[in-house]
Amino acid sequence: MRYEIPHIAEGTYDGVTVVGQTKSNINSKILVRGTNNTIELVGLPYVDNLKVEFLGNNNRLVIGQNCRLRGVITVGDGSRVEFGAGVHITRPSQVVAREGTEIVVGNGCLFSDVTIMSTDAHSILDLTTRKRLNKAKNVRIGDKVWLAEKVAVYKGAEIGSGSVIGARSVVRGKIPENVVAVGVPAKVVRSNIAWSHKLLDDDGNVVGAV
């Protein structure tokens, strides 16, 4: 049976328990098809315009301190999604973890209209053996990773801390720390980098600062 809860707020509901409180939860909601699901809110995150969907039982979503999330997060089949502190999603994004997998995002990340999936959500079969070829795999994203507009991160991907993934790139494998990677599939084009949320000039001064 499907339940819809018109807010993400602390309490026990049909099929889901929400632990902790939000700083703001305007236009948030939870869709539940299953039991024993949990949302853990750490340090008053913002969850405006966020929809959480649980498919099945024993799923868990952890949202860290000072996160600002928006979009759709789907967790199914005994899976877990975890966001560290200070993750900021500037435009609605899609995160999907199913088949008993984990999607773990580190602290201080910046995302914009991205897709992160540990599963293909459909099956590819070997015609001879009839075995499924595209099983789900965990996804891990380190601290302070910047995923630019419309980046797609798929099953088995690992992105090292401090790295930047260029717009419309696709990540399926392992990206090292402190690099810029772009393309389909994403490949490293610059190493030994750091990035800032602030727009800086060549001398490190904030552009437009008074």
Protein backbone atom coordinates (compact mmCIF):
# COMPACT_ATOMS: atom_id res chain seq x y z
CA MET A 1 0.00 0.00 0.00
CA ARG A 2 1.20 3.51 -0.81
CA TYR A 3 1.17 6.27 1.80
CA GLU A 4 1.80 9.96 1.17
CA ILE A 5 3.03 12.19 4.01
CA PRO A 6 2.77 15.88 3.07
CA HIS A 7 5.90 17.02 4.94
CA ILE A 8 9.31 15.87 6.15
CA ALA A 9 8.99 16.40 9.88
CA GLU A 10 9.91 14.45 13.00
CA GLY A 11 7.50 11.67 13.91
CA THR A 12 6.40 8.10 13.27
CA TYR A 13 4.14 7.55 10.28
CA ASP A 14 2.85 4.58 8.28
CA GLY A 15 6.00 2.81 7.09
CA VAL A 16 8.54 5.48 8.04
CA THR A 17 10.09 7.13 11.08
CA VAL A 18 11.62 10.61 10.85
CA VAL A 19 14.24 11.35 13.51
CA GLY A 20 15.35 14.95 14.05
CA GLN A 21 14.08 18.29 12.83
CA THR A 22 14.49 20.55 9.80
CA LYS A 23 15.28 24.24 9.53
CA SER A 24 12.71 24.48 6.73
CA ASN A 25 10.55 21.92 4.92
CA ILE A 26 8.39 23.98 2.56
CA ASN A 27 6.75 21.85 -0.14
CA SER A 28 8.42 18.63 1.04
CA LYS A 29 6.78 15.20 1.15
CA ILE A 30 7.37 11.49 1.66
CA LEU A 31 5.93 8.64 -0.42
CA VAL A 32 6.09 5.22 1.24
CA ARG A 33 5.48 1.74 -0.15
CA GLY A 34 6.86 -0.53 2.57
CA THR A 35 7.77 -0.63 6.24
CA ASN A 36 10.63 0.06 8.66
CA ASN A 37 12.04 2.99 6.70
CA THR A 38 13.96 5.82 8.38
CA ILE A 39 14.90 9.43 7.69
CA GLU A 40 17.58 10.83 10.01
CA LEU A 41 17.86 14.62 10.06
CA VAL A 42 21.12 15.92 11.54
CA GLY A 43 21.56 19.52 12.67
CA LEU A 44 18.46 21.16 11.16
CA PRO A 45 18.93 20.74 7.38
CA TYR A 46 16.78 22.53 4.77
CA VAL A 47 14.56 20.18 2.74
CA ASP A 48 12.42 22.64 0.76
CA ASN A 49 11.00 21.21 -2.48
CA LEU A 50 12.28 17.72 -1.67
CA LYS A 51 10.36 14.50 -2.28
CA VAL A 52 11.56 11.30 -0.62
CA GLU A 53 10.27 7.98 -1.95
CA PHE A 54 10.75 4.68 -0.10
CA LEU A 55 10.18 1.50 -2.13
CA GLY A 56 10.04 -1.61 0.05
CA ASN A 57 11.40 -2.20 3.53
CA ASN A 58 14.40 -1.34 5.71
CA ASN A 59 15.60 1.71 3.78
CA ARG A 60 17.46 4.64 5.32
CA LEU A 61 18.10 8.27 4.37
CA VAL A 62 20.52 10.45 6.36
CA ILE A 63 20.63 14.22 5.73
CA GLY A 64 23.50 16.07 7.37
CA GLN A 65 23.80 19.39 9.14
CA ASN A 66 23.13 22.54 7.08
CA CYS A 67 22.28 20.56 3.93
CA ARG A 68 20.04 22.25 1.39
CA LEU A 69 18.45 19.53 -0.72
CA ARG A 70 15.84 19.68 -3.47
CA GLY A 71 14.54 17.23 -6.04
CA VAL A 72 13.64 13.54 -5.68
CA ILE A 73 15.44 10.92 -3.57
CA THR A 74 14.35 7.30 -4.08
CA VAL A 75 15.57 4.58 -1.72
CA GLY A 76 14.45 0.98 -2.20
CA ASP A 77 15.05 -2.69 -1.48
CA GLY A 78 17.01 -2.24 1.76
CA SER A 79 19.29 0.56 0.56
CA ARG A 80 20.85 3.63 2.16
CA VAL A 81 21.50 7.21 1.01
CA GLU A 82 23.63 9.50 3.16
CA PHE A 83 24.51 13.17 2.71
CA GLY A 84 27.27 14.69 4.84
CA ALA A 85 27.15 18.19 6.30
CA GLY A 86 26.72 21.27 4.12
CA VAL A 87 25.69 19.58 0.86
CA HIS A 88 23.97 22.15 -1.37
CA ILE A 89 21.79 21.15 -4.33
CA THR A 90 21.09 24.40 -6.17
CA ARG A 91 18.68 22.95 -8.75
CA PRO A 92 16.36 19.94 -8.36
CA SER A 93 18.26 16.65 -8.75
CA GLN A 94 17.49 12.93 -8.78
CA VAL A 95 19.13 10.38 -6.47
CA VAL A 96 18.19 6.68 -6.72
CA ALA A 97 19.57 3.83 -4.56
CA ARG A 98 18.03 0.36 -4.86
CA GLU A 99 18.89 -3.36 -4.66
CA GLY A 100 20.56 -3.13 -1.24
CA THR A 101 23.15 -0.54 -2.29
CA GLU A 102 24.53 2.65 -0.76
CA ILE A 103 24.97 6.16 -2.11
CA VAL A 104 27.25 8.11 0.22
CA VAL A 105 27.96 11.82 -0.35
CA GLY A 106 30.62 13.60 1.71
CA ASN A 107 30.65 17.05 3.30
CA GLY A 108 30.44 20.40 1.52
CA CYS A 109 29.45 19.15 -1.94
CA LEU A 110 27.76 21.33 -4.57
CA PHE A 111 25.34 19.84 -7.12
CA SER A 112 23.15 21.40 -9.82
CA ASP A 113 20.44 19.44 -11.67
CA VAL A 114 22.32 16.13 -11.45
CA THR A 115 21.42 12.44 -11.53
CA ILE A 116 23.02 9.92 -9.14
CA MET A 117 21.96 6.27 -9.47
CA SER A 118 23.26 3.00 -8.02
CA THR A 119 20.93 1.00 -10.27
CA ASP A 120 19.83 1.00 -13.90
CA ALA A 121 16.25 0.38 -12.71
CA HIS A 122 15.77 -2.04 -15.62
CA SER A 123 17.34 -5.38 -16.55
CA ILE A 124 19.81 -6.45 -19.24
CA LEU A 125 19.91 -10.26 -19.67
CA ASP A 126 22.39 -12.61 -21.28
CA LEU A 127 20.36 -14.48 -23.91
CA THR A 128 22.33 -17.70 -23.40
CA THR A 129 22.42 -17.92 -19.60
CA ARG A 130 19.37 -15.74 -18.89
CA LYS A 131 21.41 -14.16 -16.10
CA ARG A 132 21.11 -10.47 -15.42
CA LEU A 133 24.20 -8.49 -16.45
CA ASN A 134 23.61 -5.06 -14.93
CA LYS A 135 23.47 -5.52 -11.18
CA ALA A 136 23.47 -2.47 -8.92
CA LYS A 137 26.66 -1.15 -7.28
CA ASN A 138 27.44 1.38 -4.55
CA VAL A 139 28.24 5.02 -5.35
CA ARG A 140 30.66 7.09 -3.26
CA ILE A 141 31.31 10.82 -3.57
CA GLY A 142 33.98 12.42 -1.40
CA ASP A 143 34.05 15.74 0.44
CA LYS A 144 33.70 19.06 -1.38
CA VAL A 145 32.90 17.61 -4.82
CA TRP A 146 31.34 19.95 -7.38
CA LEU A 147 29.01 18.26 -9.88
CA ALA A 148 28.14 20.84 -12.51
CA GLU A 149 24.87 21.10 -14.41
CA LYS A 150 23.35 17.85 -15.68
CA VAL A 151 26.17 15.56 -14.57
CA ALA A 152 25.18 11.88 -14.33
CA VAL A 153 26.86 9.61 -11.78
CA TYR A 154 26.06 5.92 -12.23
CA LYS A 155 26.49 2.62 -10.37
CA GLY A 156 29.99 1.81 -9.19
CA ALA A 157 31.24 5.39 -9.49
CA GLU A 158 33.72 6.82 -6.98
CA ILE A 159 34.65 10.50 -7.00
CA GLY A 160 37.55 11.68 -4.86
CA SER A 161 37.36 14.67 -2.52
CA GLY A 162 37.93 18.16 -3.94
CA SER A 163 37.20 17.22 -7.54
CA VAL A 164 35.07 18.98 -10.16
CA ILE A 165 32.99 17.16 -12.77
CA GLY A 166 32.19 19.31 -15.81
CA ALA A 167 28.69 19.97 -17.11
CA ARG A 168 26.86 17.08 -18.84
CA SER A 169 29.61 14.60 -18.04
CA VAL A 170 28.93 10.94 -17.18
CA VAL A 171 30.83 9.24 -14.35
CA ARG A 172 30.88 5.43 -14.20
CA GLY A 173 34.34 4.61 -12.86
CA LYS A 174 36.81 6.08 -10.37
CA ILE A 175 37.79 9.75 -10.40
CA PRO A 176 40.80 10.74 -8.22
CA GLU A 177 40.91 13.56 -5.67
CA ASN A 178 41.48 17.22 -6.64
CA VAL A 179 41.01 16.91 -10.40
CA VAL A 180 38.77 18.31 -13.11
CA ALA A 181 37.10 15.56 -15.15
CA VAL A 182 34.84 16.07 -18.17
CA GLY A 183 33.22 14.09 -20.97
CA VAL A 184 31.30 10.88 -21.66
CA PRO A 185 32.72 8.95 -19.93
CA ALA A 186 34.36 11.56 -17.69
CA LYS A 187 38.15 11.72 -17.98
CA VAL A 188 40.69 13.77 -16.05
CA VAL A 189 41.77 16.95 -17.88
CA ARG A 190 43.44 18.82 -15.00
CA SER A 191 45.06 17.66 -11.75
CA ASN A 192 46.20 19.31 -8.52
CA ILE A 193 43.23 21.72 -8.32
CA ALA A 194 41.07 23.21 -5.60
CA TRP A 195 37.79 25.06 -6.03
CA SER A 196 35.83 27.65 -4.09
CA HIS A 197 32.15 28.48 -3.72
CA LYS A 198 33.20 32.12 -4.16
CA LEU A 199 34.01 33.75 -7.50
CA LEU A 200 37.63 34.93 -7.16
CA ASP A 201 39.96 37.02 -9.29
CA ASP A 202 43.60 36.12 -10.07
CA ASP A 203 44.75 37.51 -6.73
CA GLY A 204 42.23 35.53 -4.72
CA ASN A 205 39.93 38.46 -4.08
CA VAL A 206 36.16 38.05 -4.26
CA VAL A 207 34.91 39.44 -7.58
CA GLY A 208 32.50 42.33 -7.02
CA ALA A 209 33.36 42.65 -3.32
CA VAL A 210 33.10 46.13 -1.82
